[in-house]
């Protein structure tokens, strides 16, 4: 969702991305500090899924703009 918004040059996309990332990073640090490696692994998976999602959203938004 934020990738599509960023592709449309919508500033709210940056806020969505920052909020999502901040939440997962905070929880990742908390879970790693407690030794909850299953929870930490879930946070890493969530954060790593951001990259392909952003790429997809930015490409889709740019293709819509060119049609």
N, C-alpha and C. Protein backbone atom coordinates (compact mmCIF):
# COMPACT_ATOMS: atom_id res chain seq x y z
N UNK A 1 0.82 -1.19 0.00
CA UNK A 1 0.00 0.00 0.00
C UNK A 1 0.86 1.26 0.00
N UNK A 2 1.89 1.29 0.84
CA UNK A 2 2.72 2.49 0.87
C UNK A 2 3.51 2.65 -0.42
N UNK A 3 3.87 1.54 -1.08
CA UNK A 3 4.56 1.62 -2.36
C UNK A 3 3.71 2.31 -3.41
N UNK A 4 2.43 1.99 -3.43
CA UNK A 4 1.53 2.66 -4.38
C UNK A 4 1.42 4.14 -4.07
N UNK A 5 1.31 4.47 -2.80
CA UNK A 5 1.23 5.88 -2.41
C UNK A 5 2.51 6.63 -2.73
N UNK A 6 3.65 5.98 -2.49
CA UNK A 6 4.93 6.62 -2.82
C UNK A 6 5.06 6.82 -4.32
N UNK A 7 4.59 5.86 -5.09
CA UNK A 7 4.62 5.98 -6.54
C UNK A 7 3.78 7.13 -7.05
N UNK A 8 2.74 7.47 -6.31
CA UNK A 8 1.88 8.60 -6.67
C UNK A 8 2.37 9.90 -6.05
N UNK A 9 3.53 9.84 -5.43
CA UNK A 9 4.14 11.00 -4.77
C UNK A 9 3.27 11.54 -3.63
N UNK A 10 2.65 10.63 -2.93
CA UNK A 10 1.80 10.97 -1.79
C UNK A 10 2.65 10.89 -0.52
N UNK A 11 2.75 11.98 0.20
CA UNK A 11 3.59 12.03 1.41
C UNK A 11 3.10 11.07 2.49
N UNK A 12 1.83 10.73 2.49
CA UNK A 12 1.30 9.81 3.49
C UNK A 12 1.97 8.43 3.39
N UNK A 13 2.42 8.07 2.19
CA UNK A 13 3.13 6.80 2.01
C UNK A 13 4.37 6.71 2.87
N UNK A 14 5.11 7.82 2.99
CA UNK A 14 6.30 7.85 3.86
C UNK A 14 5.92 7.66 5.31
N UNK A 15 4.80 8.26 5.72
CA UNK A 15 4.35 8.11 7.12
C UNK A 15 3.94 6.67 7.39
N UNK A 16 3.25 6.05 6.43
CA UNK A 16 2.85 4.65 6.59
C UNK A 16 4.08 3.75 6.71
N UNK A 17 5.04 3.96 5.83
CA UNK A 17 6.25 3.15 5.81
C UNK A 17 7.04 3.33 7.11
N UNK A 18 7.19 4.56 7.54
CA UNK A 18 7.93 4.84 8.77
C UNK A 18 7.25 4.23 9.99
N UNK A 19 5.94 4.36 10.06
CA UNK A 19 5.20 3.82 11.19
C UNK A 19 5.30 2.30 11.25
N UNK A 20 5.10 1.66 10.12
CA UNK A 20 5.17 0.20 10.05
C UNK A 20 6.58 -0.28 10.43
N UNK A 21 7.58 0.35 9.86
CA UNK A 21 8.96 -0.05 10.13
C UNK A 21 9.33 0.17 11.60
N UNK A 22 8.95 1.31 12.12
CA UNK A 22 9.25 1.64 13.52
C UNK A 22 8.63 0.62 14.47
N UNK A 23 7.37 0.27 14.21
CA UNK A 23 6.67 -0.69 15.07
C UNK A 23 7.40 -2.04 15.07
N UNK A 24 7.75 -2.52 13.87
CA UNK A 24 8.39 -3.84 13.79
C UNK A 24 9.83 -3.81 14.32
N UNK A 25 10.55 -2.72 14.10
CA UNK A 25 11.91 -2.62 14.65
C UNK A 25 11.89 -2.59 16.18
N UNK A 26 10.96 -1.84 16.74
CA UNK A 26 10.84 -1.76 18.20
C UNK A 26 10.54 -3.14 18.78
N UNK A 27 9.60 -3.86 18.16
CA UNK A 27 9.26 -5.19 18.65
C UNK A 27 10.40 -6.18 18.43
N UNK A 28 11.12 -6.03 17.32
CA UNK A 28 12.26 -6.90 17.05
C UNK A 28 13.32 -6.75 18.15
N UNK A 29 13.63 -5.52 18.49
CA UNK A 29 14.61 -5.28 19.55
C UNK A 29 14.13 -5.81 20.89
N UNK A 30 12.86 -5.62 21.18
CA UNK A 30 12.30 -6.09 22.45
C UNK A 30 12.36 -7.62 22.52
N UNK A 31 11.94 -8.27 21.44
CA UNK A 31 11.91 -9.74 21.44
C UNK A 31 13.32 -10.33 21.46
N UNK A 32 14.23 -9.72 20.73
CA UNK A 32 15.62 -10.20 20.74
C UNK A 32 16.23 -10.01 22.14
N UNK A 33 15.89 -8.92 22.79
CA UNK A 33 16.38 -8.67 24.14
C UNK A 33 15.88 -9.69 25.15
N UNK A 34 14.68 -10.18 24.93
CA UNK A 34 14.10 -11.19 25.82
C UNK A 34 14.50 -12.61 25.43
N UNK A 35 15.15 -12.74 24.28
CA UNK A 35 15.52 -14.08 23.82
C UNK A 35 14.39 -14.80 23.11
N UNK A 36 13.36 -14.06 22.69
CA UNK A 36 12.24 -14.64 21.96
C UNK A 36 12.60 -14.67 20.46
N UNK A 37 13.33 -15.71 20.07
CA UNK A 37 13.86 -15.74 18.71
C UNK A 37 12.79 -16.06 17.68
N UNK A 38 11.73 -16.72 18.07
CA UNK A 38 10.63 -16.97 17.14
C UNK A 38 9.94 -15.66 16.79
N UNK A 39 9.67 -14.85 17.79
CA UNK A 39 9.06 -13.54 17.55
C UNK A 39 9.97 -12.63 16.76
N UNK A 40 11.25 -12.66 17.08
CA UNK A 40 12.22 -11.82 16.36
C UNK A 40 12.29 -12.24 14.90
N UNK A 41 12.26 -13.53 14.64
CA UNK A 41 12.30 -14.02 13.26
C UNK A 41 11.06 -13.56 12.48
N UNK A 42 9.91 -13.55 13.15
CA UNK A 42 8.69 -13.06 12.50
C UNK A 42 8.82 -11.58 12.12
N UNK A 43 9.43 -10.79 12.99
CA UNK A 43 9.62 -9.36 12.69
C UNK A 43 10.58 -9.15 11.53
N UNK A 44 11.64 -9.96 11.49
CA UNK A 44 12.59 -9.86 10.38
C UNK A 44 11.88 -10.23 9.08
N UNK A 45 11.05 -11.25 9.12
CA UNK A 45 10.30 -11.65 7.92
C UNK A 45 9.38 -10.52 7.47
N UNK A 46 8.69 -9.90 8.41
CA UNK A 46 7.79 -8.79 8.07
C UNK A 46 8.56 -7.62 7.46
N UNK A 47 9.69 -7.28 8.05
CA UNK A 47 10.48 -6.17 7.52
C UNK A 47 11.08 -6.50 6.16
N UNK A 48 11.52 -7.73 5.97
CA UNK A 48 12.10 -8.09 4.68
C UNK A 48 11.06 -8.14 3.57
N UNK A 49 9.80 -8.33 3.93
CA UNK A 49 8.73 -8.33 2.92
C UNK A 49 8.43 -6.92 2.42
N UNK A 50 8.94 -5.91 3.10
CA UNK A 50 8.73 -4.53 2.65
C UNK A 50 9.37 -4.25 1.30
N UNK A 51 10.55 -4.78 1.06
CA UNK A 51 11.29 -4.46 -0.16
C UNK A 51 10.53 -4.89 -1.42
N UNK A 52 10.16 -6.16 -1.55
CA UNK A 52 9.43 -6.52 -2.77
C UNK A 52 8.08 -5.82 -2.87
N UNK A 53 7.45 -5.56 -1.74
CA UNK A 53 6.16 -4.86 -1.75
C UNK A 53 6.32 -3.43 -2.25
N UNK A 54 7.36 -2.76 -1.79
CA UNK A 54 7.61 -1.39 -2.25
C UNK A 54 7.95 -1.36 -3.73
N UNK A 55 8.78 -2.29 -4.17
CA UNK A 55 9.15 -2.34 -5.59
C UNK A 55 7.91 -2.57 -6.44
N UNK A 56 7.07 -3.51 -6.03
CA UNK A 56 5.84 -3.78 -6.77
C UNK A 56 4.95 -2.54 -6.82
N UNK A 57 4.74 -1.93 -5.67
CA UNK A 57 3.87 -0.75 -5.62
C UNK A 57 4.38 0.40 -6.46
N UNK A 58 5.67 0.64 -6.41
CA UNK A 58 6.26 1.73 -7.20
C UNK A 58 6.16 1.43 -8.69
N UNK A 59 6.39 0.20 -9.08
CA UNK A 59 6.26 -0.17 -10.51
C UNK A 59 4.82 -0.05 -10.97
N UNK A 60 3.89 -0.55 -10.17
CA UNK A 60 2.49 -0.52 -10.54
C UNK A 60 2.01 0.93 -10.68
N UNK A 61 2.42 1.77 -9.75
CA UNK A 61 1.99 3.17 -9.80
C UNK A 61 2.58 3.88 -11.02
N UNK A 62 3.81 3.54 -11.37
CA UNK A 62 4.42 4.19 -12.53
C UNK A 62 3.79 3.70 -13.83
N UNK A 63 3.37 2.44 -13.88
CA UNK A 63 2.72 1.91 -15.07
C UNK A 63 1.34 2.51 -15.26
N UNK A 64 0.62 2.72 -14.18
CA UNK A 64 -0.70 3.34 -14.25
C UNK A 64 -0.56 4.77 -14.76
N UNK A 65 0.48 5.44 -14.33
CA UNK A 65 0.70 6.82 -14.75
C UNK A 65 1.08 6.94 -16.23
N UNK A 66 1.64 5.87 -16.80
CA UNK A 66 2.07 5.91 -18.20
C UNK A 66 0.99 5.46 -19.17
N UNK A 67 -0.08 4.93 -18.67
CA UNK A 67 -1.14 4.42 -19.55
C UNK A 67 -2.04 5.53 -19.99
